[in-house]
Amino acid sequence: MSNTNPHHAKHWGLLVGETVKPLPKVRGASDAYVAAAKARKPWPEVVYRHHPTDPWRTFYSDDEVPTQLEFDWDAA
């Protein structure tokens, strides 16, 4: 069973539109909110995930966020 508690997330980012900007040096929600406060308007939403294969989720509502799909150039 995967961990669903956002406070234990290992990956943090900022959602701007449909693009997530990962924050590799962030260790928790408070660090992510500081990074969001320093961003330009419109202010991004803080997102998290537990594993790189998991979908990004909003910290505030825990909803899965719609992000642009990454294309695998090595497939086929």
Protein backbone atom coordinates (compact mmCIF):
# COMPACT_ATOMS: atom_id res chain seq x y z
CA MET A 1 0.00 0.00 0.00
CA SER A 2 1.44 3.38 -0.98
CA ASN A 3 1.71 6.27 1.40
CA THR A 4 -0.99 8.88 0.77
CA ASN A 5 0.06 11.39 3.43
CA PRO A 6 1.34 14.53 1.64
CA HIS A 7 3.53 15.41 4.62
CA HIS A 8 5.69 12.35 3.85
CA ALA A 9 6.10 13.17 0.14
CA LYS A 10 9.58 12.96 -1.35
CA HIS A 11 9.01 15.09 -4.48
CA TRP A 12 7.72 18.66 -4.46
CA GLY A 13 6.94 21.07 -7.26
CA LEU A 14 5.01 24.12 -8.40
CA LEU A 15 2.11 23.82 -10.82
CA VAL A 16 1.86 26.63 -13.38
CA GLY A 17 -0.96 25.98 -15.85
CA GLU A 18 -0.42 22.37 -16.89
CA THR A 19 3.31 22.34 -16.24
CA VAL A 20 4.97 21.19 -13.03
CA LYS A 21 8.30 22.76 -12.14
CA PRO A 22 10.04 20.26 -9.83
CA LEU A 23 11.76 21.63 -6.74
CA PRO A 24 14.62 19.16 -6.14
CA LYS A 25 16.06 20.94 -3.08
CA VAL A 26 12.74 21.27 -1.26
CA ARG A 27 12.29 18.97 1.74
CA GLY A 28 8.70 19.69 2.71
CA ALA A 29 5.54 21.70 2.21
CA SER A 30 6.86 24.76 4.03
CA ASP A 31 9.88 24.98 1.72
CA ALA A 32 7.59 24.57 -1.31
CA TYR A 33 5.30 27.38 -0.11
CA VAL A 34 8.32 29.66 0.35
CA ALA A 35 9.35 28.91 -3.25
CA ALA A 36 5.77 29.60 -4.42
CA ALA A 37 5.72 32.93 -2.58
CA LYS A 38 8.89 34.00 -4.42
CA ALA A 39 7.35 33.13 -7.81
CA ARG A 40 5.78 35.74 -10.04
CA LYS A 41 2.05 36.15 -10.48
CA PRO A 42 -0.01 34.14 -11.11
CA TRP A 43 1.17 32.30 -8.04
CA PRO A 44 1.72 28.61 -8.66
CA GLU A 45 0.09 25.83 -6.69
CA VAL A 46 2.22 23.53 -4.53
CA VAL A 47 2.16 19.90 -5.69
CA TYR A 48 3.74 16.71 -4.40
CA ARG A 49 4.22 13.04 -5.16
CA HIS A 50 5.78 10.12 -3.33
CA HIS A 51 7.48 8.41 -6.27
CA PRO A 52 8.47 9.59 -9.78
CA THR A 53 5.89 7.24 -11.31
CA ASP A 54 3.04 8.64 -9.19
CA PRO A 55 0.86 11.49 -10.48
CA TRP A 56 1.36 14.97 -9.06
CA ARG A 57 -1.27 16.00 -6.47
CA THR A 58 -2.13 19.39 -5.03
CA PHE A 59 -1.06 19.83 -1.44
CA TYR A 60 -4.16 21.80 -0.48
CA SER A 61 -6.88 19.53 -1.89
CA ASP A 62 -4.98 16.28 -2.66
CA ASP A 63 -6.51 16.27 -6.16
CA GLU A 64 -4.56 14.75 -9.04
CA VAL A 65 -3.37 17.55 -11.31
CA PRO A 66 -3.65 17.53 -15.09
CA THR A 67 -0.14 17.79 -16.49
CA GLN A 68 1.27 17.61 -19.96
CA LEU A 69 2.29 14.10 -20.92
CA GLU A 70 5.94 13.34 -21.47
CA PHE A 71 6.72 11.72 -24.80
CA ASP A 72 9.00 8.69 -24.79
CA TRP A 73 11.24 9.15 -27.83
CA ASP A 74 12.86 5.72 -27.34
CA ALA A 75 9.62 3.73 -27.68
CA ALA A 76 8.87 1.63 -30.74
